[in-house]
Amino acid sequence: MQRLKRFLFLIFSFSLLFLFLFFNKKIITSTSISTSIQNKNSLILNSEKLNLETIKSCNCCSNFINSTVLNITTFKSSFNTNYPRILVLTPIKSVNYAEMQRYGNLLKDLNFPKQNIDVAMLESDSRDSSTTYNNARKLGDFLLLNGFHSFLLLQHDFNYYINVHTRHDINFQVKRRAILARSRNMLLYSALKLEHNWVLWIDVDLYFYPNFILNQLLEANKQIIVPNCVMEPGGRSYDLNTWKGGDPELIRRNWGNDIIFEGYKENGRKHLSDLRKDGSITQIDSVGGAMLLVDADLHRQGLIFPFFGYRQHIETEGFALMAADIGINIWGMPNLEIIHH
């Protein structure tokens, strides 16, 4: 009987291993960071200095998913147990060197233990995928040399290409936001680990945020919270997907049964710039993804970014409405500003 149990256990274990390989096509893992740290504040780094050890790509399941994973991990220092573990997630597409450099410098300047932060990106459908991908690899080198715990870079094309000048046209929004939602979900479930306490979503094209922002978002002690994304200090909110309220009759008349988007037709909603008098923190109904802090356990419990219409909303807005339906309150900080490029 014992032998039979062991045999069945082995069969079960090998089945799980097969499934794991089936759903992961190309894995390139890099470990081992050189003890010599040079050009610490420069994003232009020679990857050979990192003494990276590469495992050959796996070609299993080539017809299921076309993706590449570059995983670089540093074990340079232990975690600071006085602070939570943070996973920073950023989907990217056609990102130039200057944007990547600014993104890296803003992260580096955070007043937070870098050894407690893991960073992960998913590149997809870029005009020049190799350039964006190489810029992201340089970013990973830069972050690791500045003390971040790990950097994970994934590449997956959804075969959706859109002109940067027309991407905000209302006719493209359902497809565009659906692809972005799928990108977020793929990145999330590829990078999230049991040790992560919080997930911080950050847009790659943010121009500025204060180095204390992560501390302030955490100190609010809310499961889902966003700062106020503006184009200039004290200006109108840029990320209109963060909103509160609305006029149901006006929305019904303007949108019918279609998916609703903010900023195209009048919906009677307020944005964070309209709520500055509410104080440092206020309850809202929806969030955008320019910067979004989420309790990691909510994601683990299945809270995703819907790539389909959920209560006539999609992606981050659908995410917020889904959270509300399971009893989670949504919060914004109207006077904590981040600047969008």
C-alpha atoms as a PDB file:
ATOM      1  CA  MET A   1       0.000   0.000   0.000  1.00  0.00           C
ATOM      2  CA  GLN A   2       2.852   2.389   0.868  1.00  0.00           C
ATOM      3  CA  ARG A   3       4.531   1.709  -2.476  1.00  0.00           C
ATOM      4  CA  LEU A   4       1.269   2.414  -4.280  1.00  0.00           C
ATOM      5  CA  LYS A   5       0.904   5.714  -2.456  1.00  0.00           C
ATOM      6  CA  ARG A   6       4.459   6.706  -3.351  1.00  0.00           C
ATOM      7  CA  PHE A   7       3.879   5.751  -6.967  1.00  0.00           C
ATOM      8  CA  LEU A   8       0.688   7.838  -7.148  1.00  0.00           C
ATOM      9  CA  PHE A   9       2.468  10.752  -5.492  1.00  0.00           C
ATOM     10  CA  LEU A  10       5.256  10.610  -8.079  1.00  0.00           C
ATOM     11  CA  ILE A  11       2.720  10.529 -10.914  1.00  0.00           C
ATOM     12  CA  PHE A  12       0.976  13.572  -9.413  1.00  0.00           C
ATOM     13  CA  SER A  13       4.267  15.449  -8.974  1.00  0.00           C
ATOM     14  CA  PHE A  14       5.399  14.806 -12.534  1.00  0.00           C
ATOM     15  CA  SER A  15       1.975  15.909 -13.786  1.00  0.00           C
ATOM     16  CA  LEU A  16       2.348  19.236 -11.991  1.00  0.00           C
ATOM     17  CA  LEU A  17       5.840  19.663 -13.410  1.00  0.00           C
ATOM     18  CA  PHE A  18       4.560  18.991 -16.930  1.00  0.00           C
ATOM     19  CA  LEU A  19       1.793  21.580 -16.496  1.00  0.00           C
ATOM     20  CA  PHE A  20       4.283  24.128 -15.240  1.00  0.00           C
ATOM     21  CA  LEU A  21       6.518  23.630 -18.259  1.00  0.00           C
ATOM     22  CA  PHE A  22       3.513  23.701 -20.562  1.00  0.00           C
ATOM     23  CA  PHE A  23       2.536  27.178 -19.446  1.00  0.00           C
ATOM     24  CA  ASN A  24       6.015  28.683 -19.503  1.00  0.00           C
ATOM     25  CA  LYS A  25       7.651  28.818 -22.893  1.00  0.00           C
ATOM     26  CA  LYS A  26      10.979  30.608 -22.760  1.00  0.00           C
ATOM     27  CA  ILE A  27      12.683  31.079 -19.443  1.00  0.00           C
ATOM     28  CA  ILE A  28      15.984  32.819 -19.156  1.00  0.00           C
ATOM     29  CA  THR A  29      17.175  33.042 -15.570  1.00  0.00           C
ATOM     30  CA  SER A  30      20.083  35.153 -14.471  1.00  0.00           C
ATOM     31  CA  THR A  31      21.479  35.155 -10.961  1.00  0.00           C
ATOM     32  CA  SER A  32      24.814  36.162  -9.394  1.00  0.00           C
ATOM     33  CA  ILE A  33      25.666  39.866  -9.146  1.00  0.00           C
ATOM     34  CA  SER A  34      29.277  40.997  -9.314  1.00  0.00           C
ATOM     35  CA  THR A  35      30.626  42.339  -6.040  1.00  0.00           C
ATOM     36  CA  SER A  36      32.192  45.233  -7.896  1.00  0.00           C
ATOM     37  CA  ILE A  37      29.570  47.989  -8.151  1.00  0.00           C
ATOM     38  CA  GLN A  38      30.486  50.714 -10.611  1.00  0.00           C
ATOM     39  CA  ASN A  39      28.588  53.563 -12.295  1.00  0.00           C
ATOM     40  CA  LYS A  40      25.975  53.283  -9.574  1.00  0.00           C
ATOM     41  CA  ASN A  41      23.996  56.295 -10.731  1.00  0.00           C
ATOM     42  CA  SER A  42      24.266  55.645 -14.459  1.00  0.00           C
ATOM     43  CA  LEU A  43      21.685  53.703 -16.415  1.00  0.00           C
ATOM     44  CA  ILE A  44      24.223  52.993 -19.180  1.00  0.00           C
ATOM     45  CA  LEU A  45      25.755  49.742 -17.953  1.00  0.00           C
ATOM     46  CA  ASN A  46      27.620  46.900 -19.558  1.00  0.00           C
ATOM     47  CA  SER A  47      25.750  43.703 -18.682  1.00  0.00           C
ATOM     48  CA  GLU A  48      29.035  41.798 -18.761  1.00  0.00           C
ATOM     49  CA  LYS A  49      29.964  43.475 -15.474  1.00  0.00           C
ATOM     50  CA  LEU A  50      27.107  41.633 -13.806  1.00  0.00           C
ATOM     51  CA  ASN A  51      28.590  38.191 -14.478  1.00  0.00           C
ATOM     52  CA  LEU A  52      25.195  36.902 -15.507  1.00  0.00           C
ATOM     53  CA  GLU A  53      24.695  33.160 -15.736  1.00  0.00           C
ATOM     54  CA  THR A  54      22.175  32.318 -18.480  1.00  0.00           C
ATOM     55  CA  ILE A  55      20.089  29.162 -18.850  1.00  0.00           C
ATOM     56  CA  LYS A  56      19.196  28.141 -22.406  1.00  0.00           C
ATOM     57  CA  SER A  57      15.659  28.965 -23.517  1.00  0.00           C
ATOM     58  CA  CYS A  58      13.008  26.287 -23.184  1.00  0.00           C
ATOM     59  CA  ASN A  59      10.988  25.719 -26.360  1.00  0.00           C
ATOM     60  CA  CYS A  60       8.122  23.744 -24.869  1.00  0.00           C
ATOM     61  CA  CYS A  61       4.601  24.747 -25.850  1.00  0.00           C
ATOM     62  CA  SER A  62       5.659  27.084 -28.642  1.00  0.00           C
ATOM     63  CA  ASN A  63       2.116  27.281 -30.011  1.00  0.00           C
ATOM     64  CA  PHE A  64       0.514  28.231 -26.701  1.00  0.00           C
ATOM     65  CA  ILE A  65       2.244  31.453 -25.743  1.00  0.00           C
ATOM     66  CA  ASN A  66       4.971  33.518 -27.359  1.00  0.00           C
ATOM     67  CA  SER A  67       6.781  35.065 -24.433  1.00  0.00           C
ATOM     68  CA  THR A  68      10.246  35.510 -23.023  1.00  0.00           C
ATOM     69  CA  VAL A  69      11.213  35.903 -19.390  1.00  0.00           C
ATOM     70  CA  LEU A  70      14.434  37.481 -18.150  1.00  0.00           C
ATOM     71  CA  ASN A  71      14.773  37.044 -14.412  1.00  0.00           C
ATOM     72  CA  ILE A  72      17.690  38.687 -12.608  1.00  0.00           C
ATOM     73  CA  THR A  73      17.890  38.328  -8.843  1.00  0.00           C
ATOM     74  CA  THR A  74      20.344  39.857  -6.395  1.00  0.00           C
ATOM     75  CA  PHE A  75      21.086  38.453  -2.973  1.00  0.00           C
ATOM     76  CA  LYS A  76      23.313  41.359  -2.018  1.00  0.00           C
ATOM     77  CA  SER A  77      21.544  42.192   1.257  1.00  0.00           C
ATOM     78  CA  SER A  78      18.891  40.817   3.567  1.00  0.00           C
ATOM     79  CA  PHE A  79      15.391  42.249   3.863  1.00  0.00           C
ATOM     80  CA  ASN A  80      14.564  44.990   6.340  1.00  0.00           C
ATOM     81  CA  THR A  81      11.998  43.305   8.557  1.00  0.00           C
ATOM     82  CA  ASN A  82      10.688  46.674   9.777  1.00  0.00           C
ATOM     83  CA  TYR A  83       9.227  47.380   6.338  1.00  0.00           C
ATOM     84  CA  PRO A  84       6.819  45.427   4.098  1.00  0.00           C
ATOM     85  CA  ARG A  85       7.834  43.702   0.871  1.00  0.00           C
ATOM     86  CA  ILE A  86       6.796  45.661  -2.224  1.00  0.00           C
ATOM     87  CA  LEU A  87       6.280  44.422  -5.786  1.00  0.00           C
ATOM     88  CA  VAL A  88       6.431  47.243  -8.353  1.00  0.00           C
ATOM     89  CA  LEU A  89       4.682  46.339 -11.622  1.00  0.00           C
ATOM     90  CA  THR A  90       4.818  48.257 -14.904  1.00  0.00           C
ATOM     91  CA  PRO A  91       3.517  47.231 -18.339  1.00  0.00           C
ATOM     92  CA  ILE A  92       5.580  48.884 -21.093  1.00  0.00           C
ATOM     93  CA  LYS A  93       5.221  49.528 -24.798  1.00  0.00           C
ATOM     94  CA  SER A  94       7.534  51.524 -27.101  1.00  0.00           C
ATOM     95  CA  VAL A  95       9.472  53.098 -24.235  1.00  0.00           C
ATOM     96  CA  ASN A  96      12.459  55.250 -25.174  1.00  0.00           C
ATOM     97  CA  TYR A  97      15.719  55.497 -23.285  1.00  0.00           C
ATOM     98  CA  ALA A  98      14.928  58.846 -21.612  1.00  0.00           C
ATOM     99  CA  GLU A  99      11.630  57.555 -20.192  1.00  0.00           C
ATOM    100  CA  MET A 100      13.294  54.391 -18.909  1.00  0.00           C
ATOM    101  CA  GLN A 101      16.083  56.407 -17.311  1.00  0.00           C
ATOM    102  CA  ARG A 102      13.636  58.736 -15.564  1.00  0.00           C
ATOM    103  CA  TYR A 103      11.581  55.761 -14.365  1.00  0.00           C
ATOM    104  CA  GLY A 104      14.702  54.155 -12.877  1.00  0.00           C
ATOM    105  CA  ASN A 105      15.915  57.326 -11.189  1.00  0.00           C
ATOM    106  CA  LEU A 106      12.534  57.975  -9.572  1.00  0.00           C
ATOM    107  CA  LEU A 107      12.497  54.455  -8.150  1.00  0.00           C
ATOM    108  CA  LYS A 108      16.090  54.806  -6.957  1.00  0.00           C
ATOM    109  CA  ASP A 109      15.214  58.009  -5.101  1.00  0.00           C
ATOM    110  CA  LEU A 110      12.390  56.432  -3.112  1.00  0.00           C
ATOM    111  CA  ASN A 111      12.906  56.845   0.620  1.00  0.00           C
ATOM    112  CA  PHE A 112      12.301  53.148   1.239  1.00  0.00           C
ATOM    113  CA  PRO A 113      14.611  50.131   1.758  1.00  0.00           C
ATOM    114  CA  LYS A 114      15.494  49.057  -1.777  1.00  0.00           C
ATOM    115  CA  GLN A 115      16.202  45.480  -0.686  1.00  0.00           C
ATOM    116  CA  ASN A 116      12.481  45.189   0.092  1.00  0.00           C
ATOM    117  CA  ILE A 117      11.431  46.126  -3.448  1.00  0.00           C
ATOM    118  CA  ASP A 118      11.089  43.779  -6.424  1.00  0.00           C
ATOM    119  CA  VAL A 119      10.441  45.317  -9.852  1.00  0.00           C
ATOM    120  CA  ALA A 120       8.768  43.551 -12.775  1.00  0.00           C
ATOM    121  CA  MET A 121       7.865  44.705 -16.298  1.00  0.00           C
ATOM    122  CA  LEU A 122       6.032  43.212 -19.250  1.00  0.00           C
ATOM    123  CA  GLU A 123       6.944  44.547 -22.699  1.00  0.00           C
ATOM    124  CA  SER A 124       4.421  44.016 -25.477  1.00  0.00           C
ATOM    125  CA  ASP A 125       3.618  45.171 -29.009  1.00  0.00           C
ATOM    126  CA  SER A 126       6.267  47.883 -29.224  1.00  0.00           C
ATOM    127  CA  ARG A 127       7.040  49.586 -32.523  1.00  0.00           C
ATOM    128  CA  ASP A 128      10.628  48.465 -32.002  1.00  0.00           C
ATOM    129  CA  SER A 129      10.386  45.636 -29.526  1.00  0.00           C
ATOM    130  CA  SER A 130      14.114  44.934 -29.342  1.00  0.00           C
ATOM    131  CA  THR A 131      14.967  48.550 -28.475  1.00  0.00           C
ATOM    132  CA  THR A 132      12.366  48.727 -25.713  1.00  0.00           C
ATOM    133  CA  TYR A 133      13.425  45.336 -24.435  1.00  0.00           C
ATOM    134  CA  ASN A 134      17.119  46.309 -24.357  1.00  0.00           C
ATOM    135  CA  ASN A 135      16.306  49.584 -22.588  1.00  0.00           C
ATOM    136  CA  ALA A 136      14.440  47.576 -19.960  1.00  0.00           C
ATOM    137  CA  ARG A 137      17.373  45.202 -19.518  1.00  0.00           C
ATOM    138  CA  LYS A 138      19.649  48.183 -18.853  1.00  0.00           C
ATOM    139  CA  LEU A 139      17.098  49.384 -16.330  1.00  0.00           C
ATOM    140  CA  GLY A 140      17.282  46.027 -14.570  1.00  0.00           C
ATOM    141  CA  ASP A 141      21.068  46.273 -14.324  1.00  0.00           C
ATOM    142  CA  PHE A 142      20.728  49.790 -12.939  1.00  0.00           C
ATOM    143  CA  LEU A 143      18.163  48.826 -10.296  1.00  0.00           C
ATOM    144  CA  LEU A 144      20.118  45.821  -9.068  1.00  0.00           C
ATOM    145  CA  LEU A 145      23.289  47.859  -8.717  1.00  0.00           C
ATOM    146  CA  ASN A 146      21.297  50.324  -6.613  1.00  0.00           C
ATOM    147  CA  GLY A 147      20.172  47.694  -4.139  1.00  0.00           C
ATOM    148  CA  PHE A 148      16.768  46.529  -5.379  1.00  0.00           C
ATOM    149  CA  HIS A 149      16.063  42.920  -4.532  1.00  0.00           C
ATOM    150  CA  SER A 150      15.127  41.670  -7.984  1.00  0.00           C
ATOM    151  CA  PHE A 151      14.128  42.617 -11.497  1.00  0.00           C
ATOM    152  CA  LEU A 152      11.848  40.534 -13.710  1.00  0.00           C
ATOM    153  CA  LEU A 153      11.361  41.330 -17.391  1.00  0.00           C
ATOM    154  CA  LEU A 154       8.739  39.566 -19.483  1.00  0.00           C
ATOM    155  CA  GLN A 155       8.006  39.973 -23.163  1.00  0.00           C
ATOM    156  CA  HIS A 156       4.704  38.985 -24.728  1.00  0.00           C
ATOM    157  CA  ASP A 157       3.043  40.312 -27.874  1.00  0.00           C
ATOM    158  CA  PHE A 158      -0.744  40.485 -28.088  1.00  0.00           C
ATOM    159  CA  ASN A 159      -0.443  41.458 -31.773  1.00  0.00           C
ATOM    160  CA  TYR A 160      -2.170  44.764 -31.152  1.00  0.00           C
ATOM    161  CA  TYR A 161      -0.533  47.837 -32.656  1.00  0.00           C
ATOM    162  CA  ILE A 162      -1.889  51.358 -32.540  1.00  0.00           C
ATOM    163  CA  ASN A 163      -0.548  54.761 -33.538  1.00  0.00           C
ATOM    164  CA  VAL A 164       0.626  56.686 -30.485  1.00  0.00           C
ATOM    165  CA  HIS A 165      -1.125  59.822 -31.738  1.00  0.00           C
ATOM    166  CA  THR A 166      -4.542  58.133 -32.029  1.00  0.00           C
ATOM    167  CA  ARG A 167      -4.410  55.767 -29.037  1.00  0.00           C
ATOM    168  CA  HIS A 168      -6.827  57.934 -27.054  1.00  0.00           C
ATOM    169  CA  ASP A 169      -9.426  58.003 -29.839  1.00  0.00           C
ATOM    170  CA  ILE A 170     -12.679  56.696 -28.378  1.00  0.00           C
ATOM    171  CA  ASN A 171     -13.044  54.130 -31.172  1.00  0.00           C
ATOM    172  CA  PHE A 172      -9.920  52.310 -29.969  1.00  0.00           C
ATOM    173  CA  GLN A 173     -10.627  52.335 -26.233  1.00  0.00           C
ATOM    174  CA  VAL A 174     -12.393  48.993 -25.761  1.00  0.00           C
ATOM    175  CA  LYS A 175      -9.653  47.029 -27.524  1.00  0.00           C
ATOM    176  CA  ARG A 176      -6.781  49.112 -26.136  1.00  0.00           C
ATOM    177  CA  ARG A 177      -7.930  48.915 -22.533  1.00  0.00           C
ATOM    178  CA  ALA A 178      -8.752  45.206 -22.864  1.00  0.00           C
ATOM    179  CA  ILE A 179      -5.190  44.501 -24.031  1.00  0.00           C
ATOM    180  CA  LEU A 180      -3.799  46.616 -21.189  1.00  0.00           C
ATOM    181  CA  ALA A 181      -5.909  44.667 -18.689  1.00  0.00           C
ATOM    182  CA  ARG A 182      -4.621  41.355 -20.059  1.00  0.00           C
ATOM    183  CA  SER A 183      -1.070  42.703 -19.887  1.00  0.00           C
ATOM    184  CA  ARG A 184      -1.539  43.709 -16.243  1.00  0.00           C
ATOM    185  CA  ASN A 185      -2.981  40.328 -15.318  1.00  0.00           C
ATOM    186  CA  MET A 186      -0.210  38.390 -17.072  1.00  0.00           C
ATOM    187  CA  LEU A 187       2.448  40.514 -15.388  1.00  0.00           C
ATOM    188  CA  LEU A 188       0.778  40.232 -12.002  1.00  0.00           C
ATOM    189  CA  TYR A 189       0.464  36.460 -11.902  1.00  0.00           C
ATOM    190  CA  SER A 190       3.958  35.972 -13.326  1.00  0.00           C
ATOM    191  CA  ALA A 191       5.639  38.162 -10.702  1.00  0.00           C
ATOM    192  CA  LEU A 192       3.577  37.972  -7.505  1.00  0.00           C
ATOM    193  CA  LYS A 193       5.142  35.850  -4.765  1.00  0.00           C
ATOM    194  CA  LEU A 194       3.974  34.802  -1.319  1.00  0.00           C
ATOM    195  CA  GLU A 195       6.396  37.168   0.410  1.00  0.00           C
ATOM    196  CA  HIS A 196       4.956  40.292  -1.251  1.00  0.00           C
ATOM    197  CA  ASN A 197       2.736  42.400   1.012  1.00  0.00           C
ATOM    198  CA  TRP A 198       1.832  45.150  -1.447  1.00  0.00           C
ATOM    199  CA  VAL A 199       1.665  45.632  -5.203  1.00  0.00           C
ATOM    200  CA  LEU A 200       2.526  49.094  -6.514  1.00  0.00           C
ATOM    201  CA  TRP A 201       1.451  49.725 -10.104  1.00  0.00           C
ATOM    202  CA  ILE A 202       3.417  52.563 -11.738  1.00  0.00           C
ATOM    203  CA  ASP A 203       3.156  53.965 -15.268  1.00  0.00           C
ATOM    204  CA  VAL A 204       6.508  54.169 -17.020  1.00  0.00           C
ATOM    205  CA  ASP A 205       5.856  57.691 -18.321  1.00  0.00           C
ATOM    206  CA  LEU A 206       5.418  59.452 -14.988  1.00  0.00           C
ATOM    207  CA  TYR A 207       7.521  62.606 -14.936  1.00  0.00           C
ATOM    208  CA  PHE A 208       7.872  63.067 -11.180  1.00  0.00           C
ATOM    209  CA  TYR A 209       6.707  61.834  -7.808  1.00  0.00           C
ATOM    210  CA  PRO A 210       8.089  62.697  -4.352  1.00  0.00           C
ATOM    211  CA  ASN A 211      10.516  60.242  -2.789  1.00  0.00           C
ATOM    212  CA  PHE A 212       8.231  59.818   0.233  1.00  0.00           C
ATOM    213  CA  ILE A 213       5.173  58.804  -1.791  1.00  0.00           C
ATOM    214  CA  LEU A 214       5.323  55.076  -1.076  1.00  0.00           C
ATOM    215  CA  ASN A 215       5.589  55.773   2.655  1.00  0.00           C
ATOM    216  CA  GLN A 216       2.537  58.049   2.561  1.00  0.00           C
ATOM    217  CA  LEU A 217       0.446  55.584   0.584  1.00  0.00           C
ATOM    218  CA  LEU A 218       1.347  52.814   3.037  1.00  0.00           C
ATOM    219  CA  GLU A 219       0.704  54.993   6.085  1.00  0.00           C
ATOM    220  CA  ALA A 220      -2.875  55.554   4.889  1.00  0.00           C
ATOM    221  CA  ASN A 221      -3.412  51.849   5.699  1.00  0.00           C
ATOM    222  CA  LYS A 222      -5.974  51.278   2.942  1.00  0.00           C
ATOM    223  CA  GLN A 223      -6.184  48.165   0.780  1.00  0.00           C
ATOM    224  CA  ILE A 224      -6.577  50.117  -2.466  1.00  0.00           C
ATOM    225  CA  ILE A 225      -5.365  53.695  -2.762  1.00  0.00           C
ATOM    226  CA  VAL A 226      -4.127  56.152  -5.403  1.00  0.00           C
ATOM    227  CA  PRO A 227      -2.455  59.585  -5.381  1.00  0.00           C
ATOM    228  CA  ASN A 228      -3.602  62.455  -7.581  1.00  0.00           C
ATOM    229  CA  CYS A 229      -2.009  62.266 -11.043  1.00  0.00           C
ATOM    230  CA  VAL A 230      -1.770  65.762 -12.596  1.00  0.00           C
ATOM    231  CA  MET A 231       0.046  67.435 -15.484  1.00  0.00           C
ATOM    232  CA  GLU A 232       1.356  70.257 -13.288  1.00  0.00           C
ATOM    233  CA  PRO A 233       1.408  70.912  -9.523  1.00  0.00           C
ATOM    234  CA  GLY A 234      -2.003  72.042  -8.310  1.00  0.00           C
ATOM    235  CA  GLY A 235      -3.541  71.422 -11.735  1.00  0.00           C
ATOM    236  CA  ARG A 236      -6.455  69.343 -12.938  1.00  0.00           C
ATOM    237  CA  SER A 237      -6.316  65.589 -12.587  1.00  0.00           C
ATOM    238  CA  TYR A 238      -4.782  63.849 -15.603  1.00  0.00           C
ATOM    239  CA  ASP A 239      -5.772  60.285 -14.751  1.00  0.00           C
ATOM    240  CA  LEU A 240      -9.522  60.607 -15.229  1.00  0.00           C
ATOM    241  CA  ASN A 241     -10.057  56.911 -14.553  1.00  0.00           C
ATOM    242  CA  THR A 242      -9.905  57.886 -10.887  1.00  0.00           C
ATOM    243  CA  TRP A 243     -13.349  59.283 -10.146  1.00  0.00           C
ATOM    244  CA  LYS A 244     -16.225  59.540  -7.696  1.00  0.00           C
ATOM    245  CA  GLY A 245     -19.985  59.598  -8.163  1.00  0.00           C
ATOM    246  CA  GLY A 246     -21.688  60.437 -11.438  1.00  0.00           C
ATOM    247  CA  ASP A 247     -25.126  61.214 -12.836  1.00  0.00           C
ATOM    248  CA  PRO A 248     -26.842  57.870 -13.617  1.00  0.00           C
ATOM    249  CA  GLU A 249     -29.401  59.402 -15.982  1.00  0.00           C
ATOM    250  CA  LEU A 250     -26.747  61.380 -17.863  1.00  0.00           C
ATOM    251  CA  ILE A 251     -24.538  58.289 -18.139  1.00  0.00           C
ATOM    252  CA  ARG A 252     -27.437  56.163 -19.380  1.00  0.00           C
ATOM    253  CA  ARG A 253     -28.374  58.765 -21.990  1.00  0.00           C
ATOM    254  CA  ASN A 254     -24.792  59.185 -23.245  1.00  0.00           C
ATOM    255  CA  TRP A 255     -23.643  55.566 -23.164  1.00  0.00           C
ATOM    256  CA  GLY A 256     -26.657  53.258 -23.202  1.00  0.00           C
ATOM    257  CA  ASN A 257     -25.346  49.714 -22.769  1.00  0.00           C
ATOM    258  CA  ASP A 258     -21.853  50.483 -24.107  1.00  0.00           C
ATOM    259  CA  ILE A 259     -18.691  50.381 -22.021  1.00  0.00           C
ATOM    260  CA  ILE A 260     -18.259  53.744 -20.327  1.00  0.00           C
ATOM    261  CA  PHE A 261     -15.072  55.800 -20.632  1.00  0.00           C
ATOM    262  CA  GLU A 262     -14.223  58.926 -18.728  1.00  0.00           C
ATOM    263  CA  GLY A 263     -13.167  62.128 -20.490  1.00  0.00           C
ATOM    264  CA  TYR A 264     -15.141  61.629 -23.722  1.00  0.00           C
ATOM    265  CA  LYS A 265     -18.704  62.481 -22.725  1.00  0.00           C
ATOM    266  CA  GLU A 266     -20.046  64.238 -19.660  1.00  0.00           C
ATOM    267  CA  ASN A 267     -20.681  61.749 -16.858  1.00  0.00           C
ATOM    268  CA  GLY A 268     -21.166  64.131 -13.940  1.00  0.00           C
ATOM    269  CA  ARG A 269     -18.270  62.612 -12.027  1.00  0.00           C
ATOM    270  CA  LYS A 270     -15.688  64.244  -9.781  1.00  0.00           C
ATOM    271  CA  HIS A 271     -11.959  63.635 -10.023  1.00  0.00           C
ATOM    272  CA  LEU A 272      -9.314  63.988  -7.342  1.00  0.00           C
ATOM    273  CA  SER A 273      -8.571  67.612  -8.263  1.00  0.00           C
ATOM    274  CA  ASP A 274     -12.242  68.344  -7.447  1.00  0.00           C
ATOM    275  CA  LEU A 275     -11.852  66.712  -4.027  1.00  0.00           C
ATOM    276  CA  ARG A 276      -8.866  68.566  -2.598  1.00  0.00           C
ATOM    277  CA  LYS A 277     -11.004  70.162   0.112  1.00  0.00           C
ATOM    278  CA  ASP A 278     -11.944  66.690   1.369  1.00  0.00           C
ATOM    279  CA  GLY A 279      -8.564  66.485   3.116  1.00  0.00           C
ATOM    280  CA  SER A 280      -5.611  64.159   2.813  1.00  0.00           C
ATOM    281  CA  ILE A 281      -7.675  61.079   2.020  1.00  0.00           C
ATOM    282  CA  THR A 282     -11.148  60.546   0.605  1.00  0.00           C
ATOM    283  CA  GLN A 283     -13.277  57.615  -0.487  1.00  0.00           C
ATOM    284  CA  ILE A 284     -13.763  57.271  -4.246  1.00  0.00           C
ATOM    285  CA  ASP A 285     -15.442  54.870  -6.659  1.00  0.00           C
ATOM    286  CA  SER A 286     -12.789  54.146  -9.303  1.00  0.00           C
ATOM    287  CA  VAL A 287      -9.040  54.182  -9.839  1.00  0.00           C
ATOM    288  CA  GLY A 288      -6.609  54.733 -12.656  1.00  0.00           C
ATOM    289  CA  GLY A 289      -3.298  52.949 -13.032  1.00  0.00           C
ATOM    290  CA  ALA A 290      -0.797  55.830 -13.172  1.00  0.00           C
ATOM    291  CA  MET A 291       0.124  54.875  -9.613  1.00  0.00           C
ATOM    292  CA  LEU A 292      -1.984  52.388  -7.706  1.00  0.00           C
ATOM    293  CA  LEU A 293      -1.199  50.623  -4.428  1.00  0.00           C
ATOM    294  CA  VAL A 294      -3.029  47.344  -3.787  1.00  0.00           C
ATOM    295  CA  ASP A 295      -2.939  44.918  -0.881  1.00  0.00           C
ATOM    296  CA  ALA A 296      -1.290  41.863  -2.449  1.00  0.00           C
ATOM    297  CA  ASP A 297      -3.772  39.529  -0.769  1.00  0.00           C
ATOM    298  CA  LEU A 298      -6.597  41.074  -2.803  1.00  0.00           C
ATOM    299  CA  HIS A 299      -4.851  40.062  -6.001  1.00  0.00           C
ATOM    300  CA  ARG A 300      -4.182  36.594  -4.595  1.00  0.00           C
ATOM    301  CA  GLN A 301      -7.874  36.205  -3.813  1.00  0.00           C
ATOM    302  CA  GLY A 302      -8.718  36.798  -7.465  1.00  0.00           C
ATOM    303  CA  LEU A 303      -9.161  40.561  -7.821  1.00  0.00           C
ATOM    304  CA  ILE A 304      -7.987  41.173 -11.402  1.00  0.00           C
ATOM    305  CA  PHE A 305      -8.279  43.808 -14.116  1.00  0.00           C
ATOM    306  CA  PRO A 306     -11.285  42.733 -16.218  1.00  0.00           C
ATOM    307  CA  PHE A 307     -10.530  42.670 -19.955  1.00  0.00           C
ATOM    308  CA  PHE A 308     -14.280  42.528 -20.565  1.00  0.00           C
ATOM    309  CA  GLY A 309     -17.101  44.861 -19.603  1.00  0.00           C
ATOM    310  CA  TYR A 310     -17.734  44.683 -15.854  1.00  0.00           C
ATOM    311  CA  ARG A 311     -20.690  46.871 -14.884  1.00  0.00           C
ATOM    312  CA  GLN A 312     -19.970  48.702 -18.161  1.00  0.00           C
ATOM    313  CA  HIS A 313     -16.357  49.439 -17.218  1.00  0.00           C
ATOM    314  CA  ILE A 314     -13.037  47.834 -18.065  1.00  0.00           C
ATOM    315  CA  GLU A 315      -9.447  47.501 -16.820  1.00  0.00           C
ATOM    316  CA  THR A 316      -8.644  49.651 -13.727  1.00  0.00           C
ATOM    317  CA  GLU A 317     -12.180  51.038 -13.510  1.00  0.00           C
ATOM    318  CA  GLY A 318     -13.633  47.543 -13.732  1.00  0.00           C
ATOM    319  CA  PHE A 319     -11.081  46.469 -11.111  1.00  0.00           C
ATOM    320  CA  ALA A 320     -12.354  49.137  -8.695  1.00  0.00           C
ATOM    321  CA  LEU A 321     -16.012  48.270  -9.226  1.00  0.00           C
ATOM    322  CA  MET A 322     -15.231  44.589  -8.761  1.00  0.00           C
ATOM    323  CA  ALA A 323     -13.447  45.432  -5.490  1.00  0.00           C
ATOM    324  CA  ALA A 324     -16.462  47.413  -4.302  1.00  0.00           C
ATOM    325  CA  ASP A 325     -18.721  44.447  -5.061  1.00  0.00           C
ATOM    326  CA  ILE A 326     -16.707  42.267  -2.673  1.00  0.00           C
ATOM    327  CA  GLY A 327     -16.816  44.903   0.061  1.00  0.00           C
ATOM    328  CA  ILE A 328     -13.481  46.680  -0.444  1.00  0.00           C
ATOM    329  CA  ASN A 329     -13.461  50.472  -0.146  1.00  0.00           C
ATOM    330  CA  ILE A 330     -11.476  52.537  -2.653  1.00  0.00           C
ATOM    331  CA  TRP A 331      -9.454  55.561  -1.540  1.00  0.00           C
ATOM    332  CA  GLY A 332      -7.680  58.532  -3.082  1.00  0.00           C
ATOM    333  CA  MET A 333      -5.268  61.166  -1.779  1.00  0.00           C
ATOM    334  CA  PRO A 334      -6.231  64.417  -3.584  1.00  0.00           C
ATOM    335  CA  ASN A 335      -3.335  66.449  -2.223  1.00  0.00           C
ATOM    336  CA  LEU A 336      -0.612  63.875  -2.774  1.00  0.00           C
ATOM    337  CA  GLU A 337       0.384  64.645  -6.354  1.00  0.00           C
ATOM    338  CA  ILE A 338       2.363  62.827  -9.007  1.00  0.00           C
ATOM    339  CA  ILE A 339       3.222  64.457 -12.323  1.00  0.00           C
ATOM    340  CA  HIS A 340       2.491  62.795 -15.645  1.00  0.00           C
ATOM    341  CA  HIS A 341       4.719  63.505 -18.633  1.00  0.00           C
END
